[in-house]
Amino acid sequence: MNTSAALESLKALAQEHRLALYRLLVQAGSAGMPVGALGARLGLPGATLSNHLNVLRAAGLVRDVREGRVIRCRADYARMDALLAYLTENCCAGDASACAPAVVCAPTPRRKSR
């Protein structure tokens, strides 16, 4: 990731509702969440939600897919990992023993409830 891409991602996350949206999508795992469920969960009007999701999409942090009449959004974990790697690239003045292990997101599939 280069500096301009990192700045674009950080700028997209530097707003309360967008950060909340992104955190919900990260927590949702690879299944993601339907746009309607995101709006209901955060209590955002449709137009406001759409605007915030568009900013996150433009930054490459969120991907979506249409499933019939539903649009399902998912966090782009590769982009999130790239941003984290960029931020910690030269961590601890090169002394790896002083740094905590790098955080890399490797979501595990959710078990289906019976």
PDB file of N, CA and C in Angstrom:
ATOM      1  N   MET A   1       0.866  -1.172   0.000  1.00  0.00           N
ATOM      2  CA  MET A   1       0.000   0.000   0.000  1.00  0.00           C
ATOM      3  C   MET A   1       0.905   1.225   0.000  1.00  0.00           C
ATOM      4  N   ASN A   2       0.528   2.223  -0.787  1.00  0.00           N
ATOM      5  CA  ASN A   2       1.297   3.462  -0.804  1.00  0.00           C
ATOM      6  C   ASN A   2       0.644   4.506   0.102  1.00  0.00           C
ATOM      7  N   THR A   3       1.327   5.616   0.268  1.00  0.00           N
ATOM      8  CA  THR A   3       0.859   6.653   1.184  1.00  0.00           C
ATOM      9  C   THR A   3      -0.503   7.204   0.791  1.00  0.00           C
ATOM     10  N   SER A   4      -0.730   7.462  -0.482  1.00  0.00           N
ATOM     11  CA  SER A   4      -2.023   8.041  -0.878  1.00  0.00           C
ATOM     12  C   SER A   4      -3.177   7.067  -0.629  1.00  0.00           C
ATOM     13  N   ALA A   5      -2.955   5.788  -0.844  1.00  0.00           N
ATOM     14  CA  ALA A   5      -4.005   4.793  -0.570  1.00  0.00           C
ATOM     15  C   ALA A   5      -4.273   4.696   0.931  1.00  0.00           C
ATOM     16  N   ALA A   6      -3.208   4.757   1.730  1.00  0.00           N
ATOM     17  CA  ALA A   6      -3.382   4.716   3.187  1.00  0.00           C
ATOM     18  C   ALA A   6      -4.156   5.942   3.657  1.00  0.00           C
ATOM     19  N   LEU A   7      -3.823   7.101   3.128  1.00  0.00           N
ATOM     20  CA  LEU A   7      -4.533   8.323   3.507  1.00  0.00           C
ATOM     21  C   LEU A   7      -6.007   8.258   3.115  1.00  0.00           C
ATOM     22  N   GLU A   8      -6.292   7.710   1.951  1.00  0.00           N
ATOM     23  CA  GLU A   8      -7.682   7.571   1.500  1.00  0.00           C
ATOM     24  C   GLU A   8      -8.468   6.652   2.442  1.00  0.00           C
ATOM     25  N   SER A   9      -7.861   5.555   2.852  1.00  0.00           N
ATOM     26  CA  SER A   9      -8.518   4.634   3.774  1.00  0.00           C
ATOM     27  C   SER A   9      -8.741   5.279   5.137  1.00  0.00           C
ATOM     28  N   LEU A  10      -7.707   5.940   5.642  1.00  0.00           N
ATOM     29  CA  LEU A  10      -7.830   6.580   6.951  1.00  0.00           C
ATOM     30  C   LEU A  10      -8.849   7.715   6.920  1.00  0.00           C
ATOM     31  N   LYS A  11      -8.878   8.463   5.833  1.00  0.00           N
ATOM     32  CA  LYS A  11      -9.851   9.552   5.689  1.00  0.00           C
ATOM     33  C   LYS A  11     -11.277   8.996   5.696  1.00  0.00           C
ATOM     34  N   ALA A  12     -11.474   7.867   5.026  1.00  0.00           N
ATOM     35  CA  ALA A  12     -12.809   7.254   4.982  1.00  0.00           C
ATOM     36  C   ALA A  12     -13.253   6.801   6.369  1.00  0.00           C
ATOM     37  N   LEU A  13     -12.320   6.361   7.185  1.00  0.00           N
ATOM     38  CA  LEU A  13     -12.650   5.862   8.516  1.00  0.00           C
ATOM     39  C   LEU A  13     -12.731   6.969   9.568  1.00  0.00           C
ATOM     40  N   ALA A  14     -12.326   8.168   9.198  1.00  0.00           N
ATOM     41  CA  ALA A  14     -12.264   9.278  10.158  1.00  0.00           C
ATOM     42  C   ALA A  14     -13.610   9.988  10.308  1.00  0.00           C
ATOM     43  N   GLN A  15     -14.658   9.217  10.439  1.00  0.00           N
ATOM     44  CA  GLN A  15     -16.012   9.747  10.638  1.00  0.00           C
ATOM     45  C   GLN A  15     -16.761   8.700  11.467  1.00  0.00           C
ATOM     46  N   GLU A  16     -17.491   9.149  12.454  1.00  0.00           N
ATOM     47  CA  GLU A  16     -18.107   8.253  13.434  1.00  0.00           C
ATOM     48  C   GLU A  16     -18.972   7.154  12.811  1.00  0.00           C
ATOM     49  N   HIS A  17     -19.881   7.511  11.916  1.00  0.00           N
ATOM     50  CA  HIS A  17     -20.794   6.516  11.343  1.00  0.00           C
ATOM     51  C   HIS A  17     -20.071   5.557  10.400  1.00  0.00           C
ATOM     52  N   ARG A  18     -19.119   6.082   9.621  1.00  0.00           N
ATOM     53  CA  ARG A  18     -18.380   5.200   8.715  1.00  0.00           C
ATOM     54  C   ARG A  18     -17.519   4.224   9.495  1.00  0.00           C
ATOM     55  N   LEU A  19     -16.908   4.686  10.569  1.00  0.00           N
ATOM     56  CA  LEU A  19     -16.110   3.779  11.397  1.00  0.00           C
ATOM     57  C   LEU A  19     -17.004   2.709  12.021  1.00  0.00           C
ATOM     58  N   ALA A  20     -18.182   3.096  12.489  1.00  0.00           N
ATOM     59  CA  ALA A  20     -19.132   2.128  13.055  1.00  0.00           C
ATOM     60  C   ALA A  20     -19.580   1.124  12.003  1.00  0.00           C
ATOM     61  N   LEU A  21     -19.862   1.589  10.793  1.00  0.00           N
ATOM     62  CA  LEU A  21     -20.252   0.696   9.695  1.00  0.00           C
ATOM     63  C   LEU A  21     -19.145  -0.312   9.410  1.00  0.00           C
ATOM     64  N   TYR A  22     -17.934   0.208   9.293  1.00  0.00           N
ATOM     65  CA  TYR A  22     -16.816  -0.661   8.961  1.00  0.00           C
ATOM     66  C   TYR A  22     -16.583  -1.699  10.062  1.00  0.00           C
ATOM     67  N   ARG A  23     -16.657  -1.274  11.308  1.00  0.00           N
ATOM     68  CA  ARG A  23     -16.474  -2.219  12.416  1.00  0.00           C
ATOM     69  C   ARG A  23     -17.558  -3.296  12.408  1.00  0.00           C
ATOM     70  N   LEU A  24     -18.790  -2.914  12.097  1.00  0.00           N
ATOM     71  CA  LEU A  24     -19.865  -3.914  11.994  1.00  0.00           C
ATOM     72  C   LEU A  24     -19.558  -4.932  10.903  1.00  0.00           C
ATOM     73  N   LEU A  25     -19.073  -4.451   9.766  1.00  0.00           N
ATOM     74  CA  LEU A  25     -18.769  -5.350   8.661  1.00  0.00           C
ATOM     75  C   LEU A  25     -17.585  -6.253   8.985  1.00  0.00           C
ATOM     76  N   VAL A  26     -16.595  -5.733   9.674  1.00  0.00           N
ATOM     77  CA  VAL A  26     -15.459  -6.561  10.088  1.00  0.00           C
ATOM     78  C   VAL A  26     -15.949  -7.647  11.031  1.00  0.00           C
ATOM     79  N   GLN A  27     -16.818  -7.284  11.968  1.00  0.00           N
ATOM     80  CA  GLN A  27     -17.356  -8.252  12.931  1.00  0.00           C
ATOM     81  C   GLN A  27     -18.255  -9.283  12.254  1.00  0.00           C
ATOM     82  N   ALA A  28     -18.908  -8.898  11.173  1.00  0.00           N
ATOM     83  CA  ALA A  28     -19.830  -9.804  10.485  1.00  0.00           C
ATOM     84  C   ALA A  28     -19.103 -10.946   9.782  1.00  0.00           C
ATOM     85  N   GLY A  29     -17.827 -10.789   9.534  1.00  0.00           N
ATOM     86  CA  GLY A  29     -17.064 -11.840   8.871  1.00  0.00           C
ATOM     87  C   GLY A  29     -17.337 -11.897   7.381  1.00  0.00           C
ATOM     88  N   SER A  30     -16.980 -13.016   6.793  1.00  0.00           N
ATOM     89  CA  SER A  30     -17.075 -13.154   5.343  1.00  0.00           C
ATOM     90  C   SER A  30     -18.514 -13.154   4.834  1.00  0.00           C
ATOM     91  N   ALA A  31     -19.483 -13.401   5.711  1.00  0.00           N
ATOM     92  CA  ALA A  31     -20.891 -13.366   5.302  1.00  0.00           C
ATOM     93  C   ALA A  31     -21.354 -11.944   5.033  1.00  0.00           C
ATOM     94  N   GLY A  32     -20.712 -10.972   5.654  1.00  0.00           N
ATOM     95  CA  GLY A  32     -21.121  -9.589   5.474  1.00  0.00           C
ATOM     96  C   GLY A  32     -22.500  -9.333   6.055  1.00  0.00           C
ATOM     97  N   MET A  33     -23.083  -8.214   5.645  1.00  0.00           N
ATOM     98  CA  MET A  33     -24.424  -7.846   6.118  1.00  0.00           C
ATOM     99  C   MET A  33     -25.183  -7.154   4.994  1.00  0.00           C
ATOM    100  N   PRO A  34     -26.495  -7.372   4.930  1.00  0.00           N
ATOM    101  CA  PRO A  34     -27.313  -6.641   3.967  1.00  0.00           C
ATOM    102  C   PRO A  34     -27.347  -5.153   4.334  1.00  0.00           C
ATOM    103  N   VAL A  35     -27.431  -4.309   3.330  1.00  0.00           N
ATOM    104  CA  VAL A  35     -27.463  -2.863   3.556  1.00  0.00           C
ATOM    105  C   VAL A  35     -28.589  -2.489   4.511  1.00  0.00           C
ATOM    106  N   GLY A  36     -29.749  -3.079   4.342  1.00  0.00           N
ATOM    107  CA  GLY A  36     -30.881  -2.772   5.215  1.00  0.00           C
ATOM    108  C   GLY A  36     -30.595  -3.075   6.676  1.00  0.00           C
ATOM    109  N   ALA A  37     -29.912  -4.184   6.934  1.00  0.00           N
ATOM    110  CA  ALA A  37     -29.567  -4.551   8.309  1.00  0.00           C
ATOM    111  C   ALA A  37     -28.561  -3.568   8.896  1.00  0.00           C
ATOM    112  N   LEU A  38     -27.630  -3.093   8.065  1.00  0.00           N
ATOM    113  CA  LEU A  38     -26.664  -2.091   8.534  1.00  0.00           C
ATOM    114  C   LEU A  38     -27.381  -0.809   8.945  1.00  0.00           C
ATOM    115  N   GLY A  39     -28.296  -0.369   8.100  1.00  0.00           N
ATOM    116  CA  GLY A  39     -29.049   0.847   8.391  1.00  0.00           C
ATOM    117  C   GLY A  39     -29.881   0.716   9.650  1.00  0.00           C
ATOM    118  N   ALA A  40     -30.532  -0.427   9.807  1.00  0.00           N
ATOM    119  CA  ALA A  40     -31.367  -0.651  10.990  1.00  0.00           C
ATOM    120  C   ALA A  40     -30.511  -0.714  12.246  1.00  0.00           C
ATOM    121  N   ARG A  41     -29.378  -1.360  12.155  1.00  0.00           N
ATOM    122  CA  ARG A  41     -28.493  -1.515  13.311  1.00  0.00           C
ATOM    123  C   ARG A  41     -27.956  -0.184  13.797  1.00  0.00           C
ATOM    124  N   LEU A  42     -27.652   0.722  12.845  1.00  0.00           N
ATOM    125  CA  LEU A  42     -27.076   2.010  13.229  1.00  0.00           C
ATOM    126  C   LEU A  42     -28.099   3.141  13.260  1.00  0.00           C
ATOM    127  N   GLY A  43     -29.315   2.868  12.833  1.00  0.00           N
ATOM    128  CA  GLY A  43     -30.357   3.888  12.847  1.00  0.00           C
ATOM    129  C   GLY A  43     -30.092   5.021  11.874  1.00  0.00           C
ATOM    130  N   LEU A  44     -29.501   4.699  10.731  1.00  0.00           N
ATOM    131  CA  LEU A  44     -29.189   5.722   9.727  1.00  0.00           C
ATOM    132  C   LEU A  44     -30.242   5.732   8.626  1.00  0.00           C
ATOM    133  N   PRO A  45     -30.652   6.919   8.175  1.00  0.00           N
ATOM    134  CA  PRO A  45     -31.565   6.994   7.032  1.00  0.00           C
ATOM    135  C   PRO A  45     -30.875   6.441   5.781  1.00  0.00           C
ATOM    136  N   GLY A  46     -31.663   5.960   4.843  1.00  0.00           N
ATOM    137  CA  GLY A  46     -31.142   5.333   3.634  1.00  0.00           C
ATOM    138  C   GLY A  46     -30.133   6.169   2.870  1.00  0.00           C
ATOM    139  N   ALA A  47     -30.433   7.443   2.647  1.00  0.00           N
ATOM    140  CA  ALA A  47     -29.536   8.300   1.871  1.00  0.00           C
ATOM    141  C   ALA A  47     -28.206   8.507   2.597  1.00  0.00           C
ATOM    142  N   THR A  48     -28.275   8.674   3.901  1.00  0.00           N
ATOM    143  CA  THR A  48     -27.057   8.868   4.695  1.00  0.00           C
ATOM    144  C   THR A  48     -26.215   7.598   4.679  1.00  0.00           C
ATOM    145  N   LEU A  49     -26.859   6.450   4.860  1.00  0.00           N
ATOM    146  CA  LEU A  49     -26.172   5.167   4.835  1.00  0.00           C
ATOM    147  C   LEU A  49     -25.497   4.951   3.485  1.00  0.00           C
ATOM    148  N   SER A  50     -26.225   5.222   2.419  1.00  0.00           N
ATOM    149  CA  SER A  50     -25.695   5.058   1.070  1.00  0.00           C
ATOM    150  C   SER A  50     -24.460   5.922   0.856  1.00  0.00           C
ATOM    151  N   ASN A  51     -24.514   7.160   1.315  1.00  0.00           N
ATOM    152  CA  ASN A  51     -23.377   8.065   1.172  1.00  0.00           C
ATOM    153  C   ASN A  51     -22.159   7.525   1.921  1.00  0.00           C
ATOM    154  N   HIS A  52     -22.359   7.091   3.158  1.00  0.00           N
ATOM    155  CA  HIS A  52     -21.241   6.571   3.948  1.00  0.00           C
ATOM    156  C   HIS A  52     -20.657   5.305   3.316  1.00  0.00           C
ATOM    157  N   LEU A  53     -21.515   4.421   2.829  1.00  0.00           N
ATOM    158  CA  LEU A  53     -21.025   3.201   2.182  1.00  0.00           C
ATOM    159  C   LEU A  53     -20.258   3.529   0.905  1.00  0.00           C
ATOM    160  N   ASN A  54     -20.702   4.531   0.169  1.00  0.00           N
ATOM    161  CA  ASN A  54     -19.997   4.931  -1.054  1.00  0.00           C
ATOM    162  C   ASN A  54     -18.592   5.426  -0.747  1.00  0.00           C
ATOM    163  N   VAL A  55     -18.423   6.149   0.342  1.00  0.00           N
ATOM    164  CA  VAL A  55     -17.092   6.626   0.735  1.00  0.00           C
ATOM    165  C   VAL A  55     -16.202   5.430   1.086  1.00  0.00           C
ATOM    166  N   LEU A  56     -16.747   4.471   1.829  1.00  0.00           N
ATOM    167  CA  LEU A  56     -15.977   3.278   2.190  1.00  0.00           C
ATOM    168  C   LEU A  56     -15.639   2.431   0.962  1.00  0.00           C
ATOM    169  N   ARG A  57     -16.575   2.349   0.022  1.00  0.00           N
ATOM    170  CA  ARG A  57     -16.316   1.612  -1.225  1.00  0.00           C
ATOM    171  C   ARG A  57     -15.208   2.286  -2.020  1.00  0.00           C
ATOM    172  N   ALA A  58     -15.286   3.600  -2.149  1.00  0.00           N
ATOM    173  CA  ALA A  58     -14.288   4.349  -2.921  1.00  0.00           C
ATOM    174  C   ALA A  58     -12.890   4.183  -2.333  1.00  0.00           C
ATOM    175  N   ALA A  59     -12.809   4.021  -1.026  1.00  0.00           N
ATOM    176  CA  ALA A  59     -11.518   3.818  -0.362  1.00  0.00           C
ATOM    177  C   ALA A  59     -11.056   2.366  -0.458  1.00  0.00           C
ATOM    178  N   GLY A  60     -11.893   1.496  -1.011  1.00  0.00           N
ATOM    179  CA  GLY A  60     -11.537   0.092  -1.168  1.00  0.00           C
ATOM    180  C   GLY A  60     -11.710  -0.745   0.090  1.00  0.00           C
ATOM    181  N   LEU A  61     -12.371  -0.189   1.098  1.00  0.00           N
ATOM    182  CA  LEU A  61     -12.531  -0.896   2.364  1.00  0.00           C
ATOM    183  C   LEU A  61     -13.743  -1.821   2.387  1.00  0.00           C
ATOM    184  N   VAL A  62     -14.706  -1.559   1.510  1.00  0.00           N
ATOM    185  CA  VAL A  62     -15.954  -2.320   1.490  1.00  0.00           C
ATOM    186  C   VAL A  62     -16.245  -2.769   0.059  1.00  0.00           C
ATOM    187  N   ARG A  63     -16.693  -3.989  -0.049  1.00  0.00           N
ATOM    188  CA  ARG A  63     -17.148  -4.561  -1.326  1.00  0.00           C
ATOM    189  C   ARG A  63     -18.601  -4.975  -1.139  1.00  0.00           C
ATOM    190  N   ASP A  64     -19.345  -5.024  -2.223  1.00  0.00           N
ATOM    191  CA  ASP A  64     -20.721  -5.494  -2.103  1.00  0.00           C
ATOM    192  C   ASP A  64     -21.102  -6.341  -3.299  1.00  0.00           C
ATOM    193  N   VAL A  65     -22.165  -7.096  -3.105  1.00  0.00           N
ATOM    194  CA  VAL A  65     -22.686  -7.962  -4.159  1.00  0.00           C
ATOM    195  C   VAL A  65     -24.203  -7.934  -4.068  1.00  0.00           C
ATOM    196  N   ARG A  66     -24.834  -7.951  -5.209  1.00  0.00           N
ATOM    197  CA  ARG A  66     -26.294  -7.989  -5.248  1.00  0.00           C
ATOM    198  C   ARG A  66     -26.737  -9.444  -5.195  1.00  0.00           C
ATOM    199  N   GLU A  67     -27.661  -9.717  -4.289  1.00  0.00           N
ATOM    200  CA  GLU A  67     -28.262 -11.042  -4.152  1.00  0.00           C
ATOM    201  C   GLU A  67     -29.762 -10.868  -4.325  1.00  0.00           C
ATOM    202  N   GLY A  68     -30.216 -10.927  -5.557  1.00  0.00           N
ATOM    203  CA  GLY A  68     -31.623 -10.659  -5.838  1.00  0.00           C
ATOM    204  C   GLY A  68     -31.924  -9.200  -5.561  1.00  0.00           C
ATOM    205  N   ARG A  69     -32.800  -8.949  -4.602  1.00  0.00           N
ATOM    206  CA  ARG A  69     -33.168  -7.573  -4.259  1.00  0.00           C
ATOM    207  C   ARG A  69     -32.331  -7.002  -3.121  1.00  0.00           C
ATOM    208  N   VAL A  70     -31.417  -7.810  -2.604  1.00  0.00           N
ATOM    209  CA  VAL A  70     -30.608  -7.406  -1.450  1.00  0.00           C
ATOM    210  C   VAL A  70     -29.179  -7.101  -1.893  1.00  0.00           C
ATOM    211  N   ILE A  71     -28.618  -6.038  -1.345  1.00  0.00           N
ATOM    212  CA  ILE A  71     -27.202  -5.744  -1.548  1.00  0.00           C
ATOM    213  C   ILE A  71     -26.491  -6.099  -0.250  1.00  0.00           C
ATOM    214  N   ARG A  72     -25.545  -7.024  -0.357  1.00  0.00           N
ATOM    215  CA  ARG A  72     -24.792  -7.486   0.810  1.00  0.00           C
ATOM    216  C   ARG A  72     -23.404  -6.856   0.762  1.00  0.00           C
ATOM    217  N   CYS A  73     -23.026  -6.219   1.860  1.00  0.00           N
ATOM    218  CA  CYS A  73     -21.717  -5.572   1.969  1.00  0.00           C
ATOM    219  C   CYS A  73     -20.783  -6.423   2.806  1.00  0.00           C
ATOM    220  N   ARG A  74     -19.514  -6.385   2.439  1.00  0.00           N
ATOM    221  CA  ARG A  74     -18.477  -7.106   3.175  1.00  0.00           C
ATOM    222  C   ARG A  74     -17.258  -6.212   3.319  1.00  0.00           C
ATOM    223  N   ALA A  75     -16.571  -6.352   4.446  1.00  0.00           N
ATOM    224  CA  ALA A  75     -15.297  -5.661   4.623  1.00  0.00           C
ATOM    225  C   ALA A  75     -14.276  -6.331   3.701  1.00  0.00           C
ATOM    226  N   ASP A  76     -13.398  -5.533   3.118  1.00  0.00           N
ATOM    227  CA  ASP A  76     -12.309  -6.073   2.308  1.00  0.00           C
ATOM    228  C   ASP A  76     -11.133  -6.308   3.258  1.00  0.00           C
ATOM    229  N   TYR A  77     -10.979  -7.549   3.704  1.00  0.00           N
ATOM    230  CA  TYR A  77      -9.957  -7.876   4.694  1.00  0.00           C
ATOM    231  C   TYR A  77      -8.551  -7.693   4.140  1.00  0.00           C
ATOM    232  N   ALA A  78      -8.347  -7.943   2.866  1.00  0.00           N
ATOM    233  CA  ALA A  78      -7.016  -7.755   2.279  1.00  0.00           C
ATOM    234  C   ALA A  78      -6.611  -6.286   2.365  1.00  0.00           C
ATOM    235  N   ARG A  79      -7.564  -5.389   2.090  1.00  0.00           N
ATOM    236  CA  ARG A  79      -7.274  -3.949   2.177  1.00  0.00           C
ATOM    237  C   ARG A  79      -7.001  -3.551   3.635  1.00  0.00           C
ATOM    238  N   MET A  80      -7.780  -4.094   4.557  1.00  0.00           N
ATOM    239  CA  MET A  80      -7.578  -3.802   5.972  1.00  0.00           C
ATOM    240  C   MET A  80      -6.190  -4.279   6.408  1.00  0.00           C
ATOM    241  N   ASP A  81      -5.813  -5.490   6.009  1.00  0.00           N
ATOM    242  CA  ASP A  81      -4.498  -6.019   6.359  1.00  0.00           C
ATOM    243  C   ASP A  81      -3.382  -5.177   5.746  1.00  0.00           C
ATOM    244  N   ALA A  82      -3.581  -4.717   4.512  1.00  0.00           N
ATOM    245  CA  ALA A  82      -2.574  -3.868   3.862  1.00  0.00           C
ATOM    246  C   ALA A  82      -2.406  -2.552   4.608  1.00  0.00           C
ATOM    247  N   LEU A  83      -3.511  -1.976   5.074  1.00  0.00           N
ATOM    248  CA  LEU A  83      -3.439  -0.732   5.831  1.00  0.00           C
ATOM    249  C   LEU A  83      -2.704  -0.960   7.152  1.00  0.00           C
ATOM    250  N   LEU A  84      -3.034  -2.028   7.859  1.00  0.00           N
ATOM    251  CA  LEU A  84      -2.347  -2.339   9.114  1.00  0.00           C
ATOM    252  C   LEU A  84      -0.856  -2.578   8.881  1.00  0.00           C
ATOM    253  N   ALA A  85      -0.527  -3.275   7.811  1.00  0.00           N
ATOM    254  CA  ALA A  85       0.884  -3.528   7.493  1.00  0.00           C
ATOM    255  C   ALA A  85       1.603  -2.218   7.181  1.00  0.00           C
ATOM    256  N   TYR A  86       0.949  -1.333   6.448  1.00  0.00           N
ATOM    257  CA  TYR A  86       1.541  -0.027   6.129  1.00  0.00           C
ATOM    258  C   TYR A  86       1.809   0.769   7.411  1.00  0.00           C
ATOM    259  N   LEU A  87       0.837   0.767   8.317  1.00  0.00           N
ATOM    260  CA  LEU A  87       0.967   1.540   9.550  1.00  0.00           C
ATOM    261  C   LEU A  87       2.059   1.000  10.467  1.00  0.00           C
ATOM    262  N   THR A  88       2.318  -0.286  10.396  1.00  0.00           N
ATOM    263  CA  THR A  88       3.296  -0.898  11.298  1.00  0.00           C
ATOM    264  C   THR A  88       4.569  -1.324  10.572  1.00  0.00           C
ATOM    265  N   GLU A  89       4.756  -0.859   9.359  1.00  0.00           N
ATOM    266  CA  GLU A  89       5.869  -1.284   8.507  1.00  0.00           C
ATOM    267  C   GLU A  89       7.242  -1.140   9.177  1.00  0.00           C
ATOM    268  N   ASN A  90       7.496  -0.037   9.800  1.00  0.00           N
ATOM    269  CA  ASN A  90       8.796   0.206  10.427  1.00  0.00           C
ATOM    270  C   ASN A  90       8.643   0.319  11.943  1.00  0.00           C
ATOM    271  N   CYS A  91       7.833  -0.534  12.468  1.00  0.00           N
ATOM    272  CA  CYS A  91       7.498  -0.510  13.889  1.00  0.00           C
ATOM    273  C   CYS A  91       8.721  -0.707  14.767  1.00  0.00           C
ATOM    274  N   CYS A  92       8.754  -0.011  15.847  1.00  0.00           N
ATOM    275  CA  CYS A  92       9.727  -0.213  16.924  1.00  0.00           C
ATOM    276  C   CYS A  92      11.172  -0.046  16.465  1.00  0.00           C
ATOM    277  N   ALA A  93      11.417   0.861  15.540  1.00  0.00           N
ATOM    278  CA  ALA A  93      12.772   1.158  15.053  1.00  0.00           C
ATOM    279  C   ALA A  93      13.506  -0.096  14.590  1.00  0.00           C
ATOM    280  N   GLY A  94      12.766  -1.023  14.005  1.00  0.00           N
ATOM    281  CA  GLY A  94      13.364  -2.243  13.479  1.00  0.00           C
ATOM    282  C   GLY A  94      13.609  -3.331  14.499  1.00  0.00           C
ATOM    283  N   ASP A  95      13.278  -3.093  15.769  1.00  0.00           N
ATOM    284  CA  ASP A  95      13.460  -4.094  16.817  1.00  0.00           C
ATOM    285  C   ASP A  95      12.176  -4.905  16.953  1.00  0.00           C
ATOM    286  N   ALA A  96      12.085  -5.971  16.189  1.00  0.00           N
ATOM    287  CA  ALA A  96      10.869  -6.775  16.144  1.00  0.00           C
ATOM    288  C   ALA A  96      10.520  -7.370  17.500  1.00  0.00           C
ATOM    289  N   SER A  97      11.510  -7.608  18.350  1.00  0.00           N
ATOM    290  CA  SER A  97      11.216  -8.209  19.649  1.00  0.00           C
ATOM    291  C   SER A  97      10.446  -7.250  20.555  1.00  0.00           C
ATOM    292  N   ALA A  98      10.531  -5.949  20.280  1.00  0.00           N
ATOM    293  CA  ALA A  98       9.820  -4.959  21.093  1.00  0.00           C
ATOM    294  C   ALA A  98       8.367  -4.796  20.679  1.00  0.00           C
ATOM    295  N   CYS A  99       8.044  -5.266  19.504  1.00  0.00           N
ATOM    296  CA  CYS A  99       6.676  -5.100  18.973  1.00  0.00           C
ATOM    297  C   CYS A  99       5.830  -6.327  19.259  1.00  0.00           C
ATOM    298  N   ALA A 100       4.536  -6.064  19.445  1.00  0.00           N
ATOM    299  CA  ALA A 100       3.586  -7.170  19.561  1.00  0.00           C
ATOM    300  C   ALA A 100       3.486  -7.851  18.202  1.00  0.00           C
ATOM    301  N   PRO A 101       3.043  -9.078  18.160  1.00  0.00           N
ATOM    302  CA  PRO A 101       2.877  -9.748  16.858  1.00  0.00           C
ATOM    303  C   PRO A 101       1.956  -8.937  15.958  1.00  0.00           C
ATOM    304  N   ALA A 102       2.264  -8.947  14.679  1.00  0.00           N
ATOM    305  CA  ALA A 102       1.435  -8.234  13.708  1.00  0.00           C
ATOM    306  C   ALA A 102       0.031  -8.819  13.700  1.00  0.00           C
ATOM    307  N   VAL A 103      -0.953  -7.955  13.601  1.00  0.00           N
ATOM    308  CA  VAL A 103      -2.345  -8.383  13.544  1.00  0.00           C
ATOM    309  C   VAL A 103      -2.710  -8.573  12.080  1.00  0.00           C
ATOM    310  N   VAL A 104      -3.050  -9.774  11.733  1.00  0.00           N
ATOM    311  CA  VAL A 104      -3.504 -10.072  10.379  1.00  0.00           C
ATOM    312  C   VAL A 104      -4.858 -10.742  10.516  1.00  0.00           C
ATOM    313  N   CYS A 105      -5.802 -10.225   9.817  1.00  0.00           N
ATOM    314  CA  CYS A 105      -7.148 -10.763   9.929  1.00  0.00           C
ATOM    315  C   CYS A 105      -7.275 -12.025   9.099  1.00  0.00           C
ATOM    316  N   ALA A 106      -7.622 -13.093   9.743  1.00  0.00           N
ATOM    317  CA  ALA A 106      -7.884 -14.358   9.073  1.00  0.00           C
ATOM    318  C   ALA A 106      -9.208 -14.872   9.615  1.00  0.00           C
ATOM    319  N   PRO A 107     -10.316 -14.308   9.109  1.00  0.00           N
ATOM    320  CA  PRO A 107     -11.615 -14.694   9.660  1.00  0.00           C
ATOM    321  C   PRO A 107     -11.883 -16.183   9.479  1.00  0.00           C
ATOM    322  N   THR A 108     -12.493 -16.746  10.483  1.00  0.00           N
ATOM    323  CA  THR A 108     -12.888 -18.148  10.401  1.00  0.00           C
ATOM    324  C   THR A 108     -14.365 -18.195  10.005  1.00  0.00           C
ATOM    325  N   PRO A 109     -14.748 -19.187   9.242  1.00  0.00           N
ATOM    326  CA  PRO A 109     -16.148 -19.271   8.844  1.00  0.00           C
ATOM    327  C   PRO A 109     -17.043 -19.445  10.060  1.00  0.00           C
ATOM    328  N   ARG A 110     -18.191 -18.809  10.006  1.00  0.00           N
ATOM    329  CA  ARG A 110     -19.165 -18.958  11.087  1.00  0.00           C
ATOM    330  C   ARG A 110     -19.814 -20.317  11.005  1.00  0.00           C
ATOM    331  N   ARG A 111     -20.047 -20.881  12.176  1.00  0.00           N
ATOM    332  CA  ARG A 111     -20.782 -22.133  12.196  1.00  0.00           C
ATOM    333  C   ARG A 111     -22.269 -21.820  12.075  1.00  0.00           C
ATOM    334  N   LYS A 112     -22.938 -22.609  11.293  1.00  0.00           N
ATOM    335  CA  LYS A 112     -24.380 -22.422  11.127  1.00  0.00           C
ATOM    336  C   LYS A 112     -25.098 -22.950  12.354  1.00  0.00           C
ATOM    337  N   SER A 113     -26.048 -22.148  12.827  1.00  0.00           N
ATOM    338  CA  SER A 113     -26.817 -22.599  13.989  1.00  0.00           C
ATOM    339  C   SER A 113     -27.825 -23.652  13.538  1.00  0.00           C
ATOM    340  N   ARG A 114     -28.105 -24.540  14.441  1.00  0.00           N
ATOM    341  CA  ARG A 114     -29.021 -25.640  14.095  1.00  0.00           C
ATOM    342  C   ARG A 114     -30.445 -25.251  14.304  1.00  0.00           C
TER     343      ARG A 114
END
